[in-house]
């Protein structure tokens, strides 16, 4: 099923020069970029995006980290895009072969875990998150020939 999803390449990815590597991995998995920009996150956007943790004691540190540099915001589209991005990103530093596993490193106890990337956790949340970070005129519909050689007709024609 063709889905859209959102990725935030966080300040640590930007600082370490890993933005291109992240984009490369998603494109190699057959995802197409339909929106891409760099932006500085303000407090209201961060509180909305992280509303599930905005009242927790670590939120001020998270906010400071997320505002320490701009982030790169990416909207991606492709067959099973949400799951494909989550598999490519990985969950922990121990997930060797994933973006996080290959580049994250292990945080010391008590330190803010800088995990390079945020990705939507469901197709439903992806729709909400894409609308949060992109205006309609910042998203592009286009056809990619690559899908014909990467996926079955059933996967890319839907």
Protein backbone atom coordinates (compact mmCIF):
# COMPACT_ATOMS: atom_id res chain seq x y z
CA UNK A 1 0.00 0.00 0.00
CA UNK A 2 1.34 3.43 -0.93
CA UNK A 3 1.74 5.58 2.18
CA UNK A 4 3.24 8.90 3.14
CA UNK A 5 5.36 9.44 6.23
CA UNK A 6 7.37 12.12 8.00
CA UNK A 7 11.01 12.11 9.06
CA UNK A 8 12.84 14.69 11.14
CA UNK A 9 16.62 14.53 10.89
CA UNK A 10 17.47 15.97 14.29
CA UNK A 11 20.26 18.37 15.32
CA UNK A 12 22.74 15.56 16.02
CA UNK A 13 22.29 14.21 12.47
CA UNK A 14 22.84 17.71 11.09
CA UNK A 15 25.87 18.38 13.32
CA UNK A 16 27.49 15.09 12.32
CA UNK A 17 26.92 15.50 8.59
CA UNK A 18 24.53 12.54 8.36
CA UNK A 19 21.60 14.18 6.56
CA UNK A 20 22.71 12.94 3.14
CA UNK A 21 23.28 9.44 4.51
CA UNK A 22 19.77 9.35 5.95
CA UNK A 23 18.21 10.54 2.69
CA UNK A 24 20.33 8.05 0.71
CA UNK A 25 19.11 5.13 2.81
CA UNK A 26 15.47 6.07 2.34
CA UNK A 27 15.83 6.55 -1.40
CA UNK A 28 17.65 3.24 -1.73
CA UNK A 29 14.70 1.53 -0.06
CA UNK A 30 12.46 2.87 -2.81
CA UNK A 31 10.93 5.82 -0.99
CA UNK A 32 10.50 9.02 -2.93
CA UNK A 33 10.94 12.46 -1.44
CA UNK A 34 7.76 14.51 -1.80
CA UNK A 35 8.77 17.31 0.58
CA UNK A 36 12.11 18.47 1.94
CA UNK A 37 13.14 21.53 3.94
CA UNK A 38 15.29 22.80 6.75
CA UNK A 39 13.60 24.67 9.56
CA UNK A 40 14.20 26.04 13.03
CA UNK A 41 11.57 24.62 15.38
CA UNK A 42 9.82 27.06 17.69
CA UNK A 43 8.47 26.25 21.13
CA UNK A 44 4.82 25.98 20.09
CA UNK A 45 5.60 23.53 17.28
CA UNK A 46 7.75 21.43 19.60
CA UNK A 47 5.07 21.40 22.31
CA UNK A 48 2.50 20.28 19.75
CA UNK A 49 4.75 17.61 18.24
CA UNK A 50 5.89 16.28 21.63
CA UNK A 51 2.62 16.88 23.49
CA UNK A 52 2.73 13.31 24.82
CA UNK A 53 5.89 14.20 26.82
CA UNK A 54 5.71 18.01 27.09
CA UNK A 55 4.78 17.84 30.80
CA UNK A 56 7.58 15.43 31.73
CA UNK A 57 10.75 16.63 33.52
CA UNK A 58 13.06 15.94 30.55
CA UNK A 59 11.08 18.06 28.09
CA UNK A 60 13.10 21.28 28.64
CA UNK A 61 16.29 19.39 27.74
CA UNK A 62 14.58 17.86 24.70
CA UNK A 63 13.36 21.30 23.65
CA UNK A 64 16.84 22.81 24.05
CA UNK A 65 18.35 19.99 21.98
CA UNK A 66 15.73 20.22 19.22
CA UNK A 67 16.25 23.99 18.98
CA UNK A 68 20.06 23.83 19.07
CA UNK A 69 20.22 23.79 15.24
CA UNK A 70 17.68 23.62 12.46
CA UNK A 71 16.26 20.20 11.62
CA UNK A 72 15.74 18.68 8.20
CA UNK A 73 12.10 17.77 7.62
CA UNK A 74 11.30 15.16 5.00
CA UNK A 75 8.00 13.83 3.66
CA UNK A 76 8.40 10.46 1.97
CA UNK A 77 6.06 8.30 -0.07
CA UNK A 78 6.16 4.68 -1.10
CA UNK A 79 4.84 1.18 -0.52
CA UNK A 80 4.50 0.63 3.26
CA UNK A 81 6.45 3.86 3.82
CA UNK A 82 5.88 4.07 7.59
CA UNK A 83 7.23 0.59 8.31
CA UNK A 84 10.02 0.94 5.73
CA UNK A 85 11.27 4.14 7.37
CA UNK A 86 11.05 2.66 10.86
CA UNK A 87 13.00 -0.43 9.78
CA UNK A 88 15.61 1.73 8.05
CA UNK A 89 15.92 4.12 11.02
CA UNK A 90 16.11 1.38 13.65
CA UNK A 91 15.08 1.70 17.26
CA UNK A 92 18.26 1.48 19.32
CA UNK A 93 22.02 1.86 18.92
CA UNK A 94 22.25 -1.93 18.97
CA UNK A 95 20.25 -2.23 15.72
CA UNK A 96 23.32 -2.69 13.50
CA UNK A 97 22.66 -1.99 9.83
CA UNK A 98 20.10 0.72 10.60
CA UNK A 99 20.65 4.48 10.62
CA UNK A 100 20.55 4.64 14.41
CA UNK A 101 22.51 1.44 14.88
CA UNK A 102 25.28 2.52 12.57
CA UNK A 103 25.64 6.11 13.82
CA UNK A 104 23.94 6.72 17.16
CA UNK A 105 26.42 5.53 19.77
CA UNK A 106 25.35 4.71 23.31
CA UNK A 107 24.28 7.47 25.71
CA UNK A 108 25.63 7.41 29.24
CA UNK A 109 23.18 6.96 32.09
CA UNK A 110 21.30 10.18 32.81
CA UNK A 111 22.16 11.81 29.48
CA UNK A 112 19.59 12.94 26.94
CA UNK A 113 19.45 10.22 24.33
CA UNK A 114 20.23 11.89 21.03
CA UNK A 115 18.82 9.47 18.49
CA UNK A 116 19.36 11.26 15.17
CA UNK A 117 15.88 10.87 13.73
CA UNK A 118 12.14 10.99 14.32
CA UNK A 119 9.76 9.00 12.15
CA UNK A 120 6.00 8.69 12.15
CA UNK A 121 4.79 5.61 14.00
CA UNK A 122 1.59 4.96 12.01
CA UNK A 123 -0.01 6.00 8.73
CA UNK A 124 -2.61 7.99 10.68
CA UNK A 125 0.02 9.90 12.68
CA UNK A 126 2.03 10.44 9.51
CA UNK A 127 -0.87 12.40 7.98
CA UNK A 128 -1.11 14.61 11.07
CA UNK A 129 2.65 15.11 11.30
CA UNK A 130 3.06 15.96 7.62
CA UNK A 131 0.33 18.60 7.95
CA UNK A 132 2.09 19.94 11.06
CA UNK A 133 5.40 20.52 9.28
CA UNK A 134 4.43 21.18 5.65
CA UNK A 135 2.08 23.52 3.82
CA UNK A 136 0.22 21.95 0.89
CA UNK A 137 2.31 23.89 -1.63
CA UNK A 138 5.50 22.38 -0.14
CA UNK A 139 4.48 18.81 -1.06
CA UNK A 140 4.87 17.43 -4.55
CA UNK A 141 3.14 14.63 -6.42
CA UNK A 142 5.30 12.98 -9.04
CA UNK A 143 5.75 9.56 -10.59
CA UNK A 144 8.91 7.55 -10.17
CA UNK A 145 9.99 4.94 -12.69
CA UNK A 146 12.05 3.18 -10.00
CA UNK A 147 8.99 1.61 -8.42
CA UNK A 148 8.39 -0.47 -11.55
CA UNK A 149 11.71 -2.23 -11.09
CA UNK A 150 11.59 -2.43 -7.27
CA UNK A 151 8.03 -3.44 -6.40
CA UNK A 152 5.24 -5.59 -7.74
CA UNK A 153 2.50 -3.90 -9.73
CA UNK A 154 0.11 -4.45 -6.81
CA UNK A 155 2.41 -2.54 -4.46
CA UNK A 156 2.97 0.57 -6.54
CA UNK A 157 -0.23 0.97 -8.55
CA UNK A 158 -2.53 1.38 -5.56
